[in-house]
Structures are given as structure tokens and as C-alpha cells.
Amino acid sequence: MIPVKNNIIMKFSDSKISYSKQDEIWKEFCSILSEMKTTDEVFRFLKDLLNRQERLMIARRLHIAYLLFQGLDYKQIAQQIKTGKNTITKVSKLLKFGRNGYKKAIKRLEKNNKNIDKKIKNYYH
């Protein structure tokens, strides 16, 4: 149950849950996503789960990773996506030192979206 005080939802502190338990919780969440049968099912779930800004933030990070993977520099990406260099830096670090999640997602993005470069430009203009 989410703690509420004076009709305000209290922030959750992850420091009270061990890293191994956090991973266990996250794997369970990912398992639920992977068991969904259609894109529409995932779409509806994430639309219920995340607010508009959170959904856009996640999609934007994937677009940043894609553009970095394509060789664009920070300035070009910042102009195209309308984002700060700190966000680009965070994504870049995960592309280089992460668990290859972005790279696998980019391959799927390229496979499923023939005109992804054009789409990304249109999304942010």
C-alpha cells in the first residue's frame, strides 16, 4: 500500500530494499511485460502505469541511444531531440558500459521501423 499523508502520496525510498530484492522485483515486473501477447496489451498497461511525461522520457532515451549509435554528436542530438546534454551523457554511458539492453532494443527498433530516422525528426519538430 502506498503511504499517504494529508492526501499527498509519500515518496518511496529504495534504500530500504536490498539490491538483490530490487533485482527480484524488477525481474518479476519484466516477466509480466514479456508475457503480454500484443503490442496493444503492453501499450495499455504502460499507459495506465506511467504518466505522459514518464512515457515520453523512456521513448526519448531510446531515441537518444539510437542517434548515438548512428554516430551523431551531443550537439546534434540535443538540437534534434530537444534534450539536455546530461541526459545524453547518461544514455551514452549506458550504451558503453551497460548490459547491452539499449543495443538490443536499437536493433529491434531498426528492424521494426523502416523510416526511424525520419520518424524521430518528425516526433520532435
N, C-alpha and C. Protein backbone atom coordinates (compact mmCIF):
# COMPACT_ATOMS: atom_id res chain seq x y z
N MET A 1 0.83 -1.18 0.00
CA MET A 1 0.00 0.00 0.00
C MET A 1 0.88 1.24 0.00
N ILE A 2 0.50 2.22 -0.78
CA ILE A 2 1.26 3.46 -0.90
C ILE A 2 0.97 4.35 0.31
N PRO A 3 2.02 4.80 1.02
CA PRO A 3 1.77 5.67 2.17
C PRO A 3 1.25 7.03 1.73
N VAL A 4 0.18 7.48 2.41
CA VAL A 4 -0.43 8.76 2.08
C VAL A 4 -0.52 9.59 3.35
N LYS A 5 -0.14 10.86 3.25
CA LYS A 5 -0.24 11.77 4.38
C LYS A 5 -0.85 13.06 3.88
N ASN A 6 -1.96 13.47 4.47
CA ASN A 6 -2.66 14.69 4.06
C ASN A 6 -2.98 14.69 2.57
N ASN A 7 -3.44 13.55 2.06
CA ASN A 7 -3.80 13.38 0.65
C ASN A 7 -2.63 13.55 -0.32
N ILE A 8 -1.41 13.44 0.19
CA ILE A 8 -0.22 13.53 -0.66
C ILE A 8 0.48 12.19 -0.62
N ILE A 9 0.77 11.64 -1.77
CA ILE A 9 1.48 10.35 -1.83
C ILE A 9 2.93 10.58 -1.44
N MET A 10 3.38 9.79 -0.49
CA MET A 10 4.75 9.90 0.00
C MET A 10 5.71 9.25 -0.99
N LYS A 11 6.92 9.77 -1.07
CA LYS A 11 7.92 9.18 -1.95
C LYS A 11 8.40 7.85 -1.40
N PHE A 12 8.72 6.95 -2.29
CA PHE A 12 9.21 5.62 -1.95
C PHE A 12 10.72 5.67 -1.83
N SER A 13 11.27 5.06 -0.81
CA SER A 13 12.71 5.01 -0.62
C SER A 13 13.22 3.62 -0.96
N ASP A 14 14.03 3.53 -2.00
CA ASP A 14 14.57 2.23 -2.40
C ASP A 14 15.71 1.78 -1.51
N SER A 15 16.22 2.65 -0.66
CA SER A 15 17.35 2.29 0.20
C SER A 15 16.97 1.26 1.27
N LYS A 16 15.68 1.06 1.48
CA LYS A 16 15.22 0.10 2.49
C LYS A 16 15.06 -1.30 1.92
N ILE A 17 15.31 -1.46 0.63
CA ILE A 17 15.21 -2.76 -0.04
C ILE A 17 16.59 -3.10 -0.60
N SER A 18 17.09 -4.28 -0.29
CA SER A 18 18.43 -4.67 -0.77
C SER A 18 18.45 -4.70 -2.30
N TYR A 19 19.66 -4.56 -2.83
CA TYR A 19 19.81 -4.59 -4.29
C TYR A 19 19.32 -5.91 -4.89
N SER A 20 19.58 -7.00 -4.19
CA SER A 20 19.13 -8.30 -4.72
C SER A 20 17.60 -8.37 -4.75
N LYS A 21 16.94 -7.82 -3.73
CA LYS A 21 15.47 -7.79 -3.72
C LYS A 21 14.95 -6.84 -4.79
N GLN A 22 15.64 -5.72 -5.00
CA GLN A 22 15.24 -4.80 -6.06
C GLN A 22 15.31 -5.49 -7.42
N ASP A 23 16.38 -6.25 -7.65
CA ASP A 23 16.51 -7.00 -8.90
C ASP A 23 15.39 -8.03 -9.04
N GLU A 24 15.06 -8.69 -7.94
CA GLU A 24 13.99 -9.68 -7.94
C GLU A 24 12.65 -9.03 -8.30
N ILE A 25 12.37 -7.88 -7.72
CA ILE A 25 11.14 -7.14 -8.02
C ILE A 25 11.12 -6.73 -9.49
N TRP A 26 12.25 -6.25 -9.98
CA TRP A 26 12.33 -5.78 -11.36
C TRP A 26 12.16 -6.95 -12.34
N LYS A 27 12.77 -8.09 -12.03
CA LYS A 27 12.63 -9.27 -12.90
C LYS A 27 11.17 -9.72 -12.95
N GLU A 28 10.49 -9.66 -11.83
CA GLU A 28 9.07 -10.02 -11.80
C GLU A 28 8.26 -9.07 -12.69
N PHE A 29 8.56 -7.79 -12.59
CA PHE A 29 7.89 -6.80 -13.44
C PHE A 29 8.16 -7.10 -14.92
N CYS A 30 9.42 -7.35 -15.26
CA CYS A 30 9.79 -7.65 -16.65
C CYS A 30 9.11 -8.91 -17.15
N SER A 31 8.97 -9.88 -16.28
CA SER A 31 8.29 -11.13 -16.63
C SER A 31 6.84 -10.86 -17.02
N ILE A 32 6.19 -9.99 -16.29
CA ILE A 32 4.81 -9.62 -16.62
C ILE A 32 4.76 -9.00 -18.00
N LEU A 33 5.68 -8.07 -18.28
CA LEU A 33 5.72 -7.44 -19.62
C LEU A 33 5.94 -8.48 -20.71
N SER A 34 6.88 -9.39 -20.48
CA SER A 34 7.21 -10.36 -21.53
C SER A 34 6.08 -11.35 -21.80
N GLU A 35 5.20 -11.53 -20.84
CA GLU A 35 4.08 -12.45 -21.02
C GLU A 35 2.89 -11.81 -21.73
N MET A 36 2.93 -10.52 -21.91
CA MET A 36 1.83 -9.87 -22.62
C MET A 36 1.91 -10.28 -24.08
N LYS A 37 0.74 -10.51 -24.68
CA LYS A 37 0.67 -11.13 -26.01
C LYS A 37 0.79 -10.15 -27.17
N THR A 38 0.34 -8.92 -26.99
CA THR A 38 0.32 -7.99 -28.12
C THR A 38 0.91 -6.63 -27.74
N THR A 39 1.30 -5.89 -28.76
CA THR A 39 1.76 -4.53 -28.55
C THR A 39 0.68 -3.69 -27.89
N ASP A 40 -0.56 -3.90 -28.28
CA ASP A 40 -1.67 -3.15 -27.69
C ASP A 40 -1.80 -3.42 -26.19
N GLU A 41 -1.59 -4.67 -25.80
CA GLU A 41 -1.66 -5.03 -24.38
C GLU A 41 -0.57 -4.30 -23.58
N VAL A 42 0.64 -4.28 -24.11
CA VAL A 42 1.75 -3.58 -23.46
C VAL A 42 1.46 -2.08 -23.44
N PHE A 43 0.98 -1.55 -24.56
CA PHE A 43 0.64 -0.14 -24.68
C PHE A 43 -0.34 0.28 -23.59
N ARG A 44 -1.42 -0.48 -23.44
CA ARG A 44 -2.46 -0.16 -22.45
C ARG A 44 -1.92 -0.24 -21.02
N PHE A 45 -1.12 -1.27 -20.76
CA PHE A 45 -0.55 -1.43 -19.43
C PHE A 45 0.36 -0.26 -19.07
N LEU A 46 1.29 0.05 -19.97
CA LEU A 46 2.24 1.14 -19.70
C LEU A 46 1.54 2.50 -19.65
N LYS A 47 0.49 2.65 -20.44
CA LYS A 47 -0.27 3.90 -20.41
C LYS A 47 -0.98 4.06 -19.06
N ASP A 48 -1.44 2.96 -18.49
CA ASP A 48 -2.05 3.01 -17.15
C ASP A 48 -0.98 3.23 -16.08
N LEU A 49 0.16 2.61 -16.25
CA LEU A 49 1.21 2.60 -15.23
C LEU A 49 1.97 3.92 -15.15
N LEU A 50 2.31 4.48 -16.31
CA LEU A 50 3.18 5.66 -16.37
C LEU A 50 2.40 6.90 -16.77
N ASN A 51 2.83 8.05 -16.25
CA ASN A 51 2.19 9.28 -16.71
C ASN A 51 2.78 9.69 -18.06
N ARG A 52 2.20 10.67 -18.69
CA ARG A 52 2.60 11.10 -20.03
C ARG A 52 4.08 11.45 -20.09
N GLN A 53 4.56 12.18 -19.09
CA GLN A 53 5.95 12.60 -19.07
C GLN A 53 6.90 11.41 -18.92
N GLU A 54 6.56 10.45 -18.08
CA GLU A 54 7.39 9.26 -17.90
C GLU A 54 7.46 8.44 -19.19
N ARG A 55 6.33 8.30 -19.87
CA ARG A 55 6.31 7.54 -21.13
C ARG A 55 7.19 8.21 -22.16
N LEU A 56 7.10 9.52 -22.28
CA LEU A 56 7.90 10.24 -23.25
C LEU A 56 9.39 10.16 -22.90
N MET A 57 9.71 10.23 -21.62
CA MET A 57 11.09 10.16 -21.17
C MET A 57 11.73 8.82 -21.58
N ILE A 58 11.00 7.74 -21.41
CA ILE A 58 11.53 6.42 -21.77
C ILE A 58 11.75 6.32 -23.27
N ALA A 59 10.78 6.74 -24.05
CA ALA A 59 10.90 6.70 -25.51
C ALA A 59 12.04 7.61 -25.99
N ARG A 60 12.16 8.76 -25.38
CA ARG A 60 13.21 9.72 -25.75
C ARG A 60 14.59 9.13 -25.50
N ARG A 61 14.76 8.42 -24.39
CA ARG A 61 16.06 7.80 -24.10
C ARG A 61 16.43 6.77 -25.16
N LEU A 62 15.46 6.02 -25.62
CA LEU A 62 15.73 5.06 -26.68
C LEU A 62 16.12 5.78 -27.97
N HIS A 63 15.44 6.87 -28.28
CA HIS A 63 15.78 7.66 -29.47
C HIS A 63 17.19 8.23 -29.35
N ILE A 64 17.56 8.72 -28.17
CA ILE A 64 18.91 9.24 -27.95
C ILE A 64 19.94 8.13 -28.18
N ALA A 65 19.68 6.96 -27.62
CA ALA A 65 20.60 5.83 -27.80
C ALA A 65 20.74 5.49 -29.29
N TYR A 66 19.64 5.49 -29.99
CA TYR A 66 19.67 5.20 -31.43
C TYR A 66 20.55 6.22 -32.16
N LEU A 67 20.34 7.49 -31.87
CA LEU A 67 21.11 8.54 -32.55
C LEU A 67 22.60 8.48 -32.20
N LEU A 68 22.91 8.16 -30.94
CA LEU A 68 24.31 7.97 -30.56
C LEU A 68 24.91 6.79 -31.33
N PHE A 69 24.16 5.73 -31.44
CA PHE A 69 24.58 4.54 -32.15
C PHE A 69 24.82 4.85 -33.64
N GLN A 70 24.07 5.81 -34.17
CA GLN A 70 24.23 6.22 -35.56
C GLN A 70 25.40 7.18 -35.77
N GLY A 71 26.03 7.61 -34.66
CA GLY A 71 27.23 8.45 -34.77
C GLY A 71 26.99 9.94 -34.63
N LEU A 72 25.78 10.35 -34.30
CA LEU A 72 25.54 11.78 -34.11
C LEU A 72 26.23 12.25 -32.83
N ASP A 73 26.69 13.52 -32.83
CA ASP A 73 27.32 14.04 -31.63
C ASP A 73 26.28 14.66 -30.70
N TYR A 74 26.71 15.01 -29.51
CA TYR A 74 25.79 15.50 -28.48
C TYR A 74 25.03 16.74 -28.94
N LYS A 75 25.71 17.64 -29.61
CA LYS A 75 25.07 18.88 -30.05
C LYS A 75 23.96 18.58 -31.05
N GLN A 76 24.23 17.70 -32.00
CA GLN A 76 23.21 17.33 -32.99
C GLN A 76 22.00 16.69 -32.32
N ILE A 77 22.26 15.80 -31.37
CA ILE A 77 21.17 15.12 -30.68
C ILE A 77 20.37 16.10 -29.82
N ALA A 78 21.07 16.98 -29.11
CA ALA A 78 20.39 17.97 -28.26
C ALA A 78 19.47 18.84 -29.10
N GLN A 79 19.93 19.22 -30.28
CA GLN A 79 19.10 20.05 -31.18
C GLN A 79 17.92 19.26 -31.73
N GLN A 80 18.16 18.04 -32.14
CA GLN A 80 17.11 17.24 -32.77
C GLN A 80 16.05 16.77 -31.77
N ILE A 81 16.48 16.28 -30.61
CA ILE A 81 15.56 15.71 -29.63
C ILE A 81 15.05 16.75 -28.64
N LYS A 82 15.71 17.90 -28.58
CA LYS A 82 15.34 18.96 -27.62
C LYS A 82 15.54 18.46 -26.20
N THR A 83 16.74 17.99 -25.93
CA THR A 83 17.07 17.47 -24.60
C THR A 83 18.41 18.02 -24.15
N GLY A 84 18.68 17.91 -22.86
CA GLY A 84 19.93 18.40 -22.31
C GLY A 84 21.07 17.42 -22.49
N LYS A 85 22.27 17.95 -22.40
CA LYS A 85 23.46 17.12 -22.57
C LYS A 85 23.63 16.11 -21.43
N ASN A 86 23.10 16.41 -20.24
CA ASN A 86 23.20 15.45 -19.14
C ASN A 86 22.46 14.17 -19.45
N THR A 87 21.29 14.29 -20.05
CA THR A 87 20.51 13.11 -20.42
C THR A 87 21.25 12.31 -21.47
N ILE A 88 21.81 12.98 -22.44
CA ILE A 88 22.57 12.31 -23.50
C ILE A 88 23.77 11.58 -22.89
N THR A 89 24.45 12.22 -21.95
CA THR A 89 25.61 11.62 -21.30
C THR A 89 25.21 10.35 -20.56
N LYS A 90 24.10 10.38 -19.83
CA LYS A 90 23.64 9.20 -19.09
C LYS A 90 23.37 8.04 -20.05
N VAL A 91 22.70 8.33 -21.15
CA VAL A 91 22.39 7.29 -22.12
C VAL A 91 23.68 6.77 -22.75
N SER A 92 24.59 7.68 -23.07
CA SER A 92 25.86 7.29 -23.69
C SER A 92 26.65 6.35 -22.78
N LYS A 93 26.68 6.65 -21.49
CA LYS A 93 27.40 5.78 -20.54
C LYS A 93 26.79 4.38 -20.51
N LEU A 94 25.46 4.32 -20.53
CA LEU A 94 24.80 3.01 -20.52
C LEU A 94 25.03 2.25 -21.83
N LEU A 95 25.12 2.98 -22.93
CA LEU A 95 25.43 2.33 -24.21
C LEU A 95 26.83 1.71 -24.16
N LYS A 96 27.76 2.40 -23.54
CA LYS A 96 29.14 1.92 -23.49
C LYS A 96 29.38 0.89 -22.40
N PHE A 97 28.78 1.11 -21.22
CA PHE A 97 29.13 0.28 -20.06
C PHE A 97 27.94 -0.51 -19.50
N GLY A 98 26.80 -0.44 -20.13
CA GLY A 98 25.61 -1.12 -19.64
C GLY A 98 25.60 -2.60 -19.97
N ARG A 99 24.44 -3.16 -19.94
CA ARG A 99 24.28 -4.61 -20.13
C ARG A 99 23.78 -4.96 -21.54
N ASN A 100 24.03 -4.08 -22.50
CA ASN A 100 23.66 -4.25 -23.91
C ASN A 100 22.16 -4.20 -24.16
N GLY A 101 21.39 -3.76 -23.18
CA GLY A 101 19.95 -3.63 -23.37
C GLY A 101 19.59 -2.62 -24.44
N TYR A 102 20.25 -1.48 -24.41
CA TYR A 102 19.99 -0.46 -25.44
C TYR A 102 20.33 -1.00 -26.83
N LYS A 103 21.46 -1.67 -26.95
CA LYS A 103 21.89 -2.17 -28.26
C LYS A 103 20.88 -3.15 -28.84
N LYS A 104 20.36 -4.04 -28.00
CA LYS A 104 19.35 -4.99 -28.47
C LYS A 104 18.06 -4.28 -28.85
N ALA A 105 17.69 -3.29 -28.06
CA ALA A 105 16.47 -2.52 -28.35
C ALA A 105 16.62 -1.74 -29.64
N ILE A 106 17.80 -1.19 -29.89
CA ILE A 106 18.06 -0.43 -31.12
C ILE A 106 17.94 -1.34 -32.34
N LYS A 107 18.47 -2.55 -32.24
CA LYS A 107 18.36 -3.49 -33.36
C LYS A 107 16.90 -3.79 -33.68
N ARG A 108 16.09 -3.96 -32.64
CA ARG A 108 14.66 -4.20 -32.85
C ARG A 108 13.97 -2.96 -33.42
N LEU A 109 14.37 -1.81 -32.92
CA LEU A 109 13.81 -0.55 -33.42
C LEU A 109 14.08 -0.41 -34.91
N GLU A 110 15.31 -0.68 -35.32
CA GLU A 110 15.68 -0.59 -36.73
C GLU A 110 14.91 -1.63 -37.57
N LYS A 111 14.77 -2.82 -37.03
CA LYS A 111 14.09 -3.90 -37.75
C LYS A 111 12.61 -3.60 -37.94
N ASN A 112 11.97 -3.04 -36.92
CA ASN A 112 10.53 -2.82 -36.95
C ASN A 112 10.11 -1.47 -37.52
N ASN A 113 11.04 -0.55 -37.70
CA ASN A 113 10.72 0.80 -38.17
C ASN A 113 11.63 1.17 -39.33
N LYS A 114 11.13 1.02 -40.52
CA LYS A 114 11.95 1.24 -41.71
C LYS A 114 12.44 2.69 -41.84
N ASN A 115 11.64 3.64 -41.47
CA ASN A 115 11.99 5.06 -41.61
C ASN A 115 12.22 5.72 -40.26
N ILE A 116 12.94 5.05 -39.37
CA ILE A 116 13.06 5.53 -38.00
C ILE A 116 13.74 6.90 -37.93
N ASP A 117 14.74 7.16 -38.76
CA ASP A 117 15.41 8.47 -38.74
C ASP A 117 14.40 9.59 -39.02
N LYS A 118 13.61 9.40 -40.04
CA LYS A 118 12.59 10.39 -40.42
C LYS A 118 11.54 10.53 -39.31
N LYS A 119 11.12 9.41 -38.74
CA LYS A 119 10.13 9.45 -37.67
C LYS A 119 10.64 10.23 -36.47
N ILE A 120 11.88 9.97 -36.06
CA ILE A 120 12.43 10.67 -34.89
C ILE A 120 12.47 12.18 -35.15
N LYS A 121 12.89 12.57 -36.34
CA LYS A 121 12.91 14.02 -36.65
C LYS A 121 11.51 14.60 -36.57
N ASN A 122 10.53 13.87 -37.07
CA ASN A 122 9.15 14.38 -37.05
C ASN A 122 8.56 14.41 -35.64
N TYR A 123 8.97 13.47 -34.79
CA TYR A 123 8.43 13.43 -33.42
C TYR A 123 8.73 14.71 -32.64
N TYR A 124 9.92 15.25 -32.85
CA TYR A 124 10.38 16.35 -32.00
C TYR A 124 10.32 17.71 -32.69
N HIS A 125 9.68 17.79 -33.85
CA HIS A 125 9.52 19.09 -34.53
C HIS A 125 8.08 19.42 -34.73
